[in-house]
Amino acid sequence: MSAVTVSGTTALTTPARRMRALARAELTLLGRTKGTLFAALFVPLVMPFSLHQAADGMDLKGTGLSVGSVVVPSAIGVSVLFAVYTSLTTVFAARREELVLKRLRTGELRDAEILAGAALPSVSIGLTQAVVLAAGCVALLDAGAPSAPHLAVIGVLLGLVMFAALAAVTASLSRSVESAQVLSAPLAFGSMFGSGLFVPFEVMPDKLASVCELLPLSPVITLVRGGWTGNLSGYEALGAVATAVAWTVVSVFAVRRWFRWEPRR
C-alpha cells in the first residue's frame, strides 16, 4: 500500500479507491457519449412491452411458463446485452484508441483495476436496470413475485461479470471503435435469438435447445427464469452456474493473454 499527499495530508491509496476514482471519470465520459448512453439506458427499458406482446402470442401450455416468467428474464437479458456487453465493448475500444489505457498503466493502477474501474459504471447501470425491470414487470405487467429469488440474483450477478469480461475480449479483437461495434453484434444477436430470450427453451425442439443452452446468455436466462417459476431443479441450476462460470473463466484467460492496451497501427 502506498501513500499520496492531498492538500497537505497523507492519504493511503487502495485498489478500491483507485477503481472508484476511475469509475467516476468513466461515468462522466459515458454521459458525454450520447449514442452509447441511449443504447444502454433506453433500449432495455422499452423492451419489456414489446416482449410482453410477443409472449402473449406464444403457446405456453404444458411448458410451466407464464407470460411474466417469459418477459422478466428476457428483459433482464436485453439489459445485460446492451447496458453491459455492447456498451463496454465500445468503451474499452475507445479508451484504447485514445491511449487512455496506455497512460493509466504508467501509474499506480494495475491492469485488473483499470479494466474493473472502467467497467463499473456500465455494470452498475446493468444491475440498476435489472432491479428496475424486475420491479416494473411485477407491478405493471403482472409478472408475479419470484418463487426462488436467490436463483435470479445469482443469474444476474453471473451475467454482469461474464459479459463485462466478454466485452473486454471482443474489444481486444477489434481494430477501432467502429469494428468493436460490428464484432459485438454476432454475440448480441445470437444471444437474443438463441438463448431463450425471445423463444424459451421449453418451446424449442429438444436438440436445438440443448445446443442453445451452451450460449453465454443462456445460463443467465435459465437462472432468472427458474427464479421466477421455481421449477428449476438443483441439477439444472448447478449446470447453468457451471456454464456461466466456464464462460467467465475462459473470457478472463483470454483477456489476460490477448487484451491489447495500445492501438493497432
C-alpha atoms as a PDB file:
ATOM      1  CA  MET A   1       0.000   0.000   0.000  1.00  0.00           C
ATOM      2  CA  SER A   2       1.376   3.380  -0.949  1.00  0.00           C
ATOM      3  CA  ALA A   3       0.721   6.919   0.214  1.00  0.00           C
ATOM      4  CA  VAL A   4      -0.111  10.115  -1.641  1.00  0.00           C
ATOM      5  CA  THR A   5      -0.298  13.678  -0.362  1.00  0.00           C
ATOM      6  CA  VAL A   6      -3.545  15.524  -0.978  1.00  0.00           C
ATOM      7  CA  SER A   7      -3.983  19.129   0.259  1.00  0.00           C
ATOM      8  CA  GLY A   8      -1.177  18.743   2.753  1.00  0.00           C
ATOM      9  CA  THR A   9      -2.471  15.489   4.244  1.00  0.00           C
ATOM     10  CA  THR A  10      -1.359  11.950   3.683  1.00  0.00           C
ATOM     11  CA  ALA A  11      -3.958   9.524   2.379  1.00  0.00           C
ATOM     12  CA  LEU A  12      -3.474   5.849   1.724  1.00  0.00           C
ATOM     13  CA  THR A  13      -4.496   4.662  -1.739  1.00  0.00           C
ATOM     14  CA  THR A  14      -6.151   1.290  -2.016  1.00  0.00           C
ATOM     15  CA  PRO A  15      -7.347  -0.677  -5.053  1.00  0.00           C
ATOM     16  CA  ALA A  16     -10.949   0.163  -4.122  1.00  0.00           C
ATOM     17  CA  ARG A  17     -10.235   3.907  -4.025  1.00  0.00           C
ATOM     18  CA  ARG A  18      -8.321   3.809  -7.267  1.00  0.00           C
ATOM     19  CA  MET A  19     -11.119   1.941  -9.009  1.00  0.00           C
ATOM     20  CA  ARG A  20     -13.754   4.309  -7.622  1.00  0.00           C
ATOM     21  CA  ALA A  21     -11.828   7.291  -8.966  1.00  0.00           C
ATOM     22  CA  LEU A  22     -11.513   5.658 -12.365  1.00  0.00           C
ATOM     23  CA  ALA A  23     -15.198   4.675 -12.329  1.00  0.00           C
ATOM     24  CA  ARG A  24     -16.229   8.289 -11.616  1.00  0.00           C
ATOM     25  CA  ALA A  25     -14.155   9.530 -14.533  1.00  0.00           C
ATOM     26  CA  GLU A  26     -15.562   6.812 -16.788  1.00  0.00           C
ATOM     27  CA  LEU A  27     -19.127   7.650 -15.779  1.00  0.00           C
ATOM     28  CA  THR A  28     -18.511  11.274 -16.775  1.00  0.00           C
ATOM     29  CA  LEU A  29     -17.195  10.177 -20.168  1.00  0.00           C
ATOM     30  CA  LEU A  30     -20.090   7.760 -20.621  1.00  0.00           C
ATOM     31  CA  GLY A  31     -22.549  10.592 -20.023  1.00  0.00           C
ATOM     32  CA  ARG A  32     -20.966  12.531 -22.890  1.00  0.00           C
ATOM     33  CA  THR A  33     -21.337   9.636 -25.359  1.00  0.00           C
ATOM     34  CA  LYS A  34     -24.965  10.040 -26.362  1.00  0.00           C
ATOM     35  CA  GLY A  35     -25.215   7.009 -28.630  1.00  0.00           C
ATOM     36  CA  THR A  36     -23.762   4.589 -26.098  1.00  0.00           C
ATOM     37  CA  LEU A  37     -25.825   6.121 -23.297  1.00  0.00           C
ATOM     38  CA  PHE A  38     -29.014   5.824 -25.365  1.00  0.00           C
ATOM     39  CA  ALA A  39     -28.385   2.140 -26.130  1.00  0.00           C
ATOM     40  CA  ALA A  40     -27.520   1.418 -22.506  1.00  0.00           C
ATOM     41  CA  LEU A  41     -30.476   3.228 -20.927  1.00  0.00           C
ATOM     42  CA  PHE A  42     -33.351   3.461 -23.378  1.00  0.00           C
ATOM     43  CA  VAL A  43     -33.369   0.188 -25.310  1.00  0.00           C
ATOM     44  CA  PRO A  44     -33.609  -2.205 -22.338  1.00  0.00           C
ATOM     45  CA  LEU A  45     -36.347  -0.164 -20.673  1.00  0.00           C
ATOM     46  CA  VAL A  46     -38.713  -0.259 -23.667  1.00  0.00           C
ATOM     47  CA  MET A  47     -38.154  -3.928 -24.482  1.00  0.00           C
ATOM     48  CA  PRO A  48     -40.474  -5.433 -21.814  1.00  0.00           C
ATOM     49  CA  PHE A  49     -43.545  -4.004 -23.515  1.00  0.00           C
ATOM     50  CA  SER A  50     -42.556  -5.464 -26.894  1.00  0.00           C
ATOM     51  CA  LEU A  51     -41.652  -8.764 -25.259  1.00  0.00           C
ATOM     52  CA  HIS A  52     -44.982  -8.816 -23.441  1.00  0.00           C
ATOM     53  CA  GLN A  53     -46.860  -8.593 -26.733  1.00  0.00           C
ATOM     54  CA  ALA A  54     -44.737 -11.386 -28.219  1.00  0.00           C
ATOM     55  CA  ALA A  55     -45.207 -13.599 -25.153  1.00  0.00           C
ATOM     56  CA  ASP A  56     -48.978 -13.109 -25.320  1.00  0.00           C
ATOM     57  CA  GLY A  57     -48.934 -14.793 -28.735  1.00  0.00           C
ATOM     58  CA  MET A  58     -46.934 -17.854 -27.589  1.00  0.00           C
ATOM     59  CA  ASP A  59     -48.470 -21.210 -26.822  1.00  0.00           C
ATOM     60  CA  LEU A  60     -47.155 -21.764 -23.311  1.00  0.00           C
ATOM     61  CA  LYS A  61     -49.486 -24.603 -22.341  1.00  0.00           C
ATOM     62  CA  GLY A  62     -47.626 -27.514 -20.814  1.00  0.00           C
ATOM     63  CA  THR A  63     -44.358 -25.586 -20.502  1.00  0.00           C
ATOM     64  CA  GLY A  64     -44.822 -24.451 -16.898  1.00  0.00           C
ATOM     65  CA  LEU A  65     -44.270 -20.865 -18.011  1.00  0.00           C
ATOM     66  CA  SER A  66     -46.418 -17.768 -17.775  1.00  0.00           C
ATOM     67  CA  VAL A  67     -46.201 -14.540 -19.715  1.00  0.00           C
ATOM     68  CA  GLY A  68     -44.484 -12.930 -16.735  1.00  0.00           C
ATOM     69  CA  SER A  69     -41.837 -15.662 -16.410  1.00  0.00           C
ATOM     70  CA  VAL A  70     -41.047 -15.175 -20.098  1.00  0.00           C
ATOM     71  CA  VAL A  71     -40.922 -11.376 -20.059  1.00  0.00           C
ATOM     72  CA  VAL A  72     -38.843 -10.724 -16.913  1.00  0.00           C
ATOM     73  CA  PRO A  73     -35.790 -12.880 -17.780  1.00  0.00           C
ATOM     74  CA  SER A  74     -35.881 -11.677 -21.374  1.00  0.00           C
ATOM     75  CA  ALA A  75     -35.973  -8.018 -20.316  1.00  0.00           C
ATOM     76  CA  ILE A  76     -33.052  -8.555 -17.933  1.00  0.00           C
ATOM     77  CA  GLY A  77     -31.160 -10.404 -20.676  1.00  0.00           C
ATOM     78  CA  VAL A  78     -31.582  -7.449 -23.043  1.00  0.00           C
ATOM     79  CA  SER A  79     -30.283  -5.157 -20.309  1.00  0.00           C
ATOM     80  CA  VAL A  80     -27.173  -7.303 -19.818  1.00  0.00           C
ATOM     81  CA  LEU A  81     -26.509  -7.325 -23.564  1.00  0.00           C
ATOM     82  CA  PHE A  82     -26.983  -3.621 -24.238  1.00  0.00           C
ATOM     83  CA  ALA A  83     -26.170  -1.884 -20.946  1.00  0.00           C
ATOM     84  CA  VAL A  84     -23.127  -4.035 -20.248  1.00  0.00           C
ATOM     85  CA  TYR A  85     -21.803  -6.028 -23.199  1.00  0.00           C
ATOM     86  CA  THR A  86     -22.195  -3.753 -26.234  1.00  0.00           C
ATOM     87  CA  SER A  87     -21.674  -0.597 -24.171  1.00  0.00           C
ATOM     88  CA  LEU A  88     -18.480  -1.868 -22.544  1.00  0.00           C
ATOM     89  CA  THR A  89     -17.080  -3.240 -25.795  1.00  0.00           C
ATOM     90  CA  THR A  90     -17.261   0.279 -27.212  1.00  0.00           C
ATOM     91  CA  VAL A  91     -15.827   1.803 -24.022  1.00  0.00           C
ATOM     92  CA  PHE A  92     -12.796  -0.498 -23.923  1.00  0.00           C
ATOM     93  CA  ALA A  93     -12.067   0.021 -27.621  1.00  0.00           C
ATOM     94  CA  ALA A  94     -12.488   3.802 -27.398  1.00  0.00           C
ATOM     95  CA  ARG A  95     -10.250   4.178 -24.345  1.00  0.00           C
ATOM     96  CA  ARG A  96      -7.581   2.060 -26.024  1.00  0.00           C
ATOM     97  CA  GLU A  97      -7.674   4.089 -29.234  1.00  0.00           C
ATOM     98  CA  GLU A  98      -7.497   7.325 -27.230  1.00  0.00           C
ATOM     99  CA  LEU A  99      -4.385   5.978 -25.428  1.00  0.00           C
ATOM    100  CA  VAL A 100      -6.178   6.298 -22.096  1.00  0.00           C
ATOM    101  CA  LEU A 101      -5.457   2.696 -21.143  1.00  0.00           C
ATOM    102  CA  LYS A 102      -1.792   3.056 -22.042  1.00  0.00           C
ATOM    103  CA  ARG A 103      -1.423   6.155 -19.868  1.00  0.00           C
ATOM    104  CA  LEU A 104      -3.238   4.543 -16.944  1.00  0.00           C
ATOM    105  CA  ARG A 105      -0.790   1.617 -16.973  1.00  0.00           C
ATOM    106  CA  THR A 106       2.101   4.005 -16.266  1.00  0.00           C
ATOM    107  CA  GLY A 107       0.600   4.929 -12.898  1.00  0.00           C
ATOM    108  CA  GLU A 108      -0.386   3.061  -9.753  1.00  0.00           C
ATOM    109  CA  LEU A 109      -3.316   1.234 -11.280  1.00  0.00           C
ATOM    110  CA  ARG A 110      -2.866  -2.464 -12.002  1.00  0.00           C
ATOM    111  CA  ASP A 111      -4.260  -3.985 -15.181  1.00  0.00           C
ATOM    112  CA  ALA A 112      -7.191  -5.651 -13.437  1.00  0.00           C
ATOM    113  CA  GLU A 113      -8.041  -2.397 -11.633  1.00  0.00           C
ATOM    114  CA  ILE A 114      -8.066  -0.452 -14.899  1.00  0.00           C
ATOM    115  CA  LEU A 115     -10.490  -2.858 -16.549  1.00  0.00           C
ATOM    116  CA  ALA A 116     -12.661  -3.224 -13.460  1.00  0.00           C
ATOM    117  CA  GLY A 117     -12.805   0.533 -12.871  1.00  0.00           C
ATOM    118  CA  ALA A 118     -13.747   1.197 -16.482  1.00  0.00           C
ATOM    119  CA  ALA A 119     -16.439  -1.496 -16.293  1.00  0.00           C
ATOM    120  CA  LEU A 120     -18.023  -0.367 -13.015  1.00  0.00           C
ATOM    121  CA  PRO A 121     -20.364   2.321 -14.456  1.00  0.00           C
ATOM    122  CA  SER A 122     -21.812   0.008 -17.119  1.00  0.00           C
ATOM    123  CA  VAL A 123     -22.110  -2.885 -14.689  1.00  0.00           C
ATOM    124  CA  SER A 124     -23.820  -0.599 -12.160  1.00  0.00           C
ATOM    125  CA  ILE A 125     -26.247   0.590 -14.826  1.00  0.00           C
ATOM    126  CA  GLY A 126     -26.969  -3.024 -15.776  1.00  0.00           C
ATOM    127  CA  LEU A 127     -27.591  -4.002 -12.147  1.00  0.00           C
ATOM    128  CA  THR A 128     -29.847  -0.998 -11.544  1.00  0.00           C
ATOM    129  CA  GLN A 129     -31.797  -1.753 -14.711  1.00  0.00           C
ATOM    130  CA  ALA A 130     -32.258  -5.387 -13.687  1.00  0.00           C
ATOM    131  CA  VAL A 131     -33.782  -4.304 -10.374  1.00  0.00           C
ATOM    132  CA  VAL A 132     -35.981  -1.643 -12.003  1.00  0.00           C
ATOM    133  CA  LEU A 133     -37.105  -4.004 -14.773  1.00  0.00           C
ATOM    134  CA  ALA A 134     -37.961  -6.773 -12.339  1.00  0.00           C
ATOM    135  CA  ALA A 135     -39.936  -4.410 -10.107  1.00  0.00           C
ATOM    136  CA  GLY A 136     -41.618  -2.764 -13.107  1.00  0.00           C
ATOM    137  CA  CYS A 137     -42.646  -6.073 -14.653  1.00  0.00           C
ATOM    138  CA  VAL A 138     -44.078  -7.249 -11.337  1.00  0.00           C
ATOM    139  CA  ALA A 139     -46.006  -4.004 -10.825  1.00  0.00           C
ATOM    140  CA  LEU A 140     -47.067  -3.122 -14.383  1.00  0.00           C
ATOM    141  CA  LEU A 141     -47.094  -6.372 -16.346  1.00  0.00           C
ATOM    142  CA  ASP A 142     -48.431  -8.656 -13.611  1.00  0.00           C
ATOM    143  CA  ALA A 143     -45.335 -10.866 -13.679  1.00  0.00           C
ATOM    144  CA  GLY A 144     -45.756 -12.034 -10.097  1.00  0.00           C
ATOM    145  CA  ALA A 145     -43.077 -12.320  -7.430  1.00  0.00           C
ATOM    146  CA  PRO A 146     -40.160 -14.744  -7.929  1.00  0.00           C
ATOM    147  CA  SER A 147     -40.536 -18.155  -6.296  1.00  0.00           C
ATOM    148  CA  ALA A 148     -36.774 -18.619  -5.846  1.00  0.00           C
ATOM    149  CA  PRO A 149     -35.271 -15.108  -5.808  1.00  0.00           C
ATOM    150  CA  HIS A 150     -31.788 -16.382  -4.938  1.00  0.00           C
ATOM    151  CA  LEU A 151     -31.550 -18.052  -8.361  1.00  0.00           C
ATOM    152  CA  ALA A 152     -32.500 -14.803 -10.092  1.00  0.00           C
ATOM    153  CA  VAL A 153     -29.882 -12.866  -8.095  1.00  0.00           C
ATOM    154  CA  ILE A 154     -27.173 -15.428  -8.911  1.00  0.00           C
ATOM    155  CA  GLY A 155     -28.112 -15.328 -12.595  1.00  0.00           C
ATOM    156  CA  VAL A 156     -27.953 -11.535 -12.800  1.00  0.00           C
ATOM    157  CA  LEU A 157     -24.618 -11.275 -10.953  1.00  0.00           C
ATOM    158  CA  LEU A 158     -23.024 -14.018 -13.050  1.00  0.00           C
ATOM    159  CA  GLY A 159     -24.298 -12.341 -16.215  1.00  0.00           C
ATOM    160  CA  LEU A 160     -22.875  -8.945 -15.296  1.00  0.00           C
ATOM    161  CA  VAL A 161     -19.407 -10.337 -14.570  1.00  0.00           C
ATOM    162  CA  MET A 162     -19.363 -12.689 -17.553  1.00  0.00           C
ATOM    163  CA  PHE A 163     -20.437 -10.117 -20.131  1.00  0.00           C
ATOM    164  CA  ALA A 164     -18.051  -7.493 -18.772  1.00  0.00           C
ATOM    165  CA  ALA A 165     -15.251  -9.993 -19.397  1.00  0.00           C
ATOM    166  CA  LEU A 166     -16.665 -10.883 -22.828  1.00  0.00           C
ATOM    167  CA  ALA A 167     -16.754  -7.180 -23.702  1.00  0.00           C
ATOM    168  CA  ALA A 168     -13.020  -6.920 -22.981  1.00  0.00           C
ATOM    169  CA  VAL A 169     -12.385  -9.993 -25.157  1.00  0.00           C
ATOM    170  CA  THR A 170     -14.404  -8.552 -28.042  1.00  0.00           C
ATOM    171  CA  ALA A 171     -12.687  -5.168 -27.739  1.00  0.00           C
ATOM    172  CA  SER A 172      -9.280  -6.855 -27.842  1.00  0.00           C
ATOM    173  CA  LEU A 173     -10.150  -8.366 -31.233  1.00  0.00           C
ATOM    174  CA  SER A 174     -11.190  -5.046 -32.763  1.00  0.00           C
ATOM    175  CA  ARG A 175      -9.048  -2.515 -34.591  1.00  0.00           C
ATOM    176  CA  SER A 176     -11.266   0.511 -33.946  1.00  0.00           C
ATOM    177  CA  VAL A 177     -14.394   1.636 -32.135  1.00  0.00           C
ATOM    178  CA  GLU A 178     -16.433   1.002 -35.269  1.00  0.00           C
ATOM    179  CA  SER A 179     -15.117  -2.535 -35.683  1.00  0.00           C
ATOM    180  CA  ALA A 180     -15.801  -3.180 -31.992  1.00  0.00           C
ATOM    181  CA  GLN A 181     -19.452  -2.352 -32.583  1.00  0.00           C
ATOM    182  CA  VAL A 182     -19.530  -4.727 -35.545  1.00  0.00           C
ATOM    183  CA  LEU A 183     -17.748  -7.528 -33.683  1.00  0.00           C
ATOM    184  CA  SER A 184     -20.143  -7.326 -30.744  1.00  0.00           C
ATOM    185  CA  ALA A 185     -23.190  -7.768 -32.997  1.00  0.00           C
ATOM    186  CA  PRO A 186     -22.948 -11.561 -33.649  1.00  0.00           C
ATOM    187  CA  LEU A 187     -22.838 -12.475 -29.967  1.00  0.00           C
ATOM    188  CA  ALA A 188     -25.536  -9.935 -29.102  1.00  0.00           C
ATOM    189  CA  PHE A 189     -27.963 -11.057 -31.803  1.00  0.00           C
ATOM    190  CA  GLY A 190     -27.070 -14.725 -31.412  1.00  0.00           C
ATOM    191  CA  SER A 191     -27.874 -14.446 -27.713  1.00  0.00           C
ATOM    192  CA  MET A 192     -31.126 -12.627 -28.381  1.00  0.00           C
ATOM    193  CA  PHE A 193     -32.429 -15.312 -30.721  1.00  0.00           C
ATOM    194  CA  GLY A 194     -30.733 -18.429 -29.334  1.00  0.00           C
ATOM    195  CA  SER A 195     -30.524 -18.026 -25.559  1.00  0.00           C
ATOM    196  CA  GLY A 196     -34.194 -18.356 -24.741  1.00  0.00           C
ATOM    197  CA  LEU A 197     -34.637 -14.597 -24.720  1.00  0.00           C
ATOM    198  CA  PHE A 198     -37.236 -14.357 -27.497  1.00  0.00           C
ATOM    199  CA  VAL A 199     -38.080 -18.064 -27.750  1.00  0.00           C
ATOM    200  CA  PRO A 200     -37.962 -20.003 -24.447  1.00  0.00           C
ATOM    201  CA  PHE A 201     -36.069 -23.296 -24.448  1.00  0.00           C
ATOM    202  CA  GLU A 202     -39.282 -25.021 -23.356  1.00  0.00           C
ATOM    203  CA  VAL A 203     -40.903 -24.368 -26.751  1.00  0.00           C
ATOM    204  CA  MET A 204     -37.782 -25.163 -28.819  1.00  0.00           C
ATOM    205  CA  PRO A 205     -37.051 -28.615 -30.295  1.00  0.00           C
ATOM    206  CA  ASP A 206     -35.036 -30.599 -27.750  1.00  0.00           C
ATOM    207  CA  LYS A 207     -31.859 -30.911 -29.870  1.00  0.00           C
ATOM    208  CA  LEU A 208     -31.825 -27.212 -30.717  1.00  0.00           C
ATOM    209  CA  ALA A 209     -32.443 -26.278 -27.077  1.00  0.00           C
ATOM    210  CA  SER A 210     -29.521 -28.485 -25.950  1.00  0.00           C
ATOM    211  CA  VAL A 211     -27.147 -26.578 -28.256  1.00  0.00           C
ATOM    212  CA  CYS A 212     -28.533 -23.139 -27.428  1.00  0.00           C
ATOM    213  CA  GLU A 213     -28.187 -23.773 -23.701  1.00  0.00           C
ATOM    214  CA  LEU A 214     -24.412 -23.543 -24.133  1.00  0.00           C
ATOM    215  CA  LEU A 215     -24.505 -19.899 -25.325  1.00  0.00           C
ATOM    216  CA  PRO A 216     -23.174 -17.321 -22.843  1.00  0.00           C
ATOM    217  CA  LEU A 217     -26.514 -15.656 -22.094  1.00  0.00           C
ATOM    218  CA  SER A 218     -28.394 -18.957 -21.755  1.00  0.00           C
ATOM    219  CA  PRO A 219     -27.435 -19.727 -18.127  1.00  0.00           C
ATOM    220  CA  VAL A 220     -28.420 -16.191 -17.116  1.00  0.00           C
ATOM    221  CA  ILE A 221     -31.879 -16.566 -18.674  1.00  0.00           C
ATOM    222  CA  THR A 222     -32.229 -20.076 -17.229  1.00  0.00           C
ATOM    223  CA  LEU A 223     -31.394 -18.981 -13.677  1.00  0.00           C
ATOM    224  CA  VAL A 224     -33.546 -15.845 -13.744  1.00  0.00           C
ATOM    225  CA  ARG A 225     -36.484 -17.736 -15.282  1.00  0.00           C
ATOM    226  CA  GLY A 226     -36.002 -20.538 -12.760  1.00  0.00           C
ATOM    227  CA  GLY A 227     -36.037 -17.921 -10.031  1.00  0.00           C
ATOM    228  CA  TRP A 228     -39.458 -16.767 -11.190  1.00  0.00           C
ATOM    229  CA  THR A 229     -41.053 -20.159 -11.836  1.00  0.00           C
ATOM    230  CA  GLY A 230     -39.374 -22.134  -9.051  1.00  0.00           C
ATOM    231  CA  ASN A 231     -39.291 -25.125 -11.416  1.00  0.00           C
ATOM    232  CA  LEU A 232     -35.516 -25.316 -11.814  1.00  0.00           C
ATOM    233  CA  SER A 233     -34.015 -28.401 -10.189  1.00  0.00           C
ATOM    234  CA  GLY A 234     -30.769 -28.308  -8.236  1.00  0.00           C
ATOM    235  CA  TYR A 235     -29.017 -30.233 -11.007  1.00  0.00           C
ATOM    236  CA  GLU A 236     -30.233 -27.794 -13.684  1.00  0.00           C
ATOM    237  CA  ALA A 237     -29.247 -24.804 -11.552  1.00  0.00           C
ATOM    238  CA  LEU A 238     -25.748 -26.184 -10.996  1.00  0.00           C
ATOM    239  CA  GLY A 239     -25.426 -26.861 -14.719  1.00  0.00           C
ATOM    240  CA  ALA A 240     -26.378 -23.273 -15.549  1.00  0.00           C
ATOM    241  CA  VAL A 241     -23.945 -21.896 -12.953  1.00  0.00           C
ATOM    242  CA  ALA A 242     -21.168 -24.143 -14.274  1.00  0.00           C
ATOM    243  CA  THR A 243     -21.782 -22.948 -17.847  1.00  0.00           C
ATOM    244  CA  ALA A 244     -21.655 -19.288 -16.774  1.00  0.00           C
ATOM    245  CA  VAL A 245     -18.509 -19.820 -14.698  1.00  0.00           C
ATOM    246  CA  ALA A 246     -16.835 -21.668 -17.576  1.00  0.00           C
ATOM    247  CA  TRP A 247     -17.536 -18.798 -19.976  1.00  0.00           C
ATOM    248  CA  THR A 248     -16.250 -16.309 -17.390  1.00  0.00           C
ATOM    249  CA  VAL A 249     -13.026 -18.249 -16.739  1.00  0.00           C
ATOM    250  CA  VAL A 250     -12.325 -18.624 -20.466  1.00  0.00           C
ATOM    251  CA  SER A 251     -13.019 -14.917 -21.022  1.00  0.00           C
ATOM    252  CA  VAL A 252     -10.733 -13.829 -18.173  1.00  0.00           C
ATOM    253  CA  PHE A 253      -7.976 -16.077 -19.505  1.00  0.00           C
ATOM    254  CA  ALA A 254      -8.404 -14.588 -22.996  1.00  0.00           C
ATOM    255  CA  VAL A 255      -8.252 -11.042 -21.601  1.00  0.00           C
ATOM    256  CA  ARG A 256      -5.098 -11.773 -19.625  1.00  0.00           C
ATOM    257  CA  ARG A 257      -3.485 -13.335 -22.679  1.00  0.00           C
ATOM    258  CA  TRP A 258      -4.621 -11.210 -25.616  1.00  0.00           C
ATOM    259  CA  PHE A 259      -6.072  -7.902 -24.437  1.00  0.00           C
ATOM    260  CA  ARG A 260      -4.437  -5.006 -26.281  1.00  0.00           C
ATOM    261  CA  TRP A 261      -3.566  -1.876 -24.350  1.00  0.00           C
ATOM    262  CA  GLU A 262      -2.407   0.157 -27.337  1.00  0.00           C
ATOM    263  CA  PRO A 263      -3.986   0.900 -30.731  1.00  0.00           C
ATOM    264  CA  ARG A 264      -3.115  -1.328 -33.661  1.00  0.00           C
ATOM    265  CA  ARG A 265      -1.192   0.748 -36.176  1.00  0.00           C
END
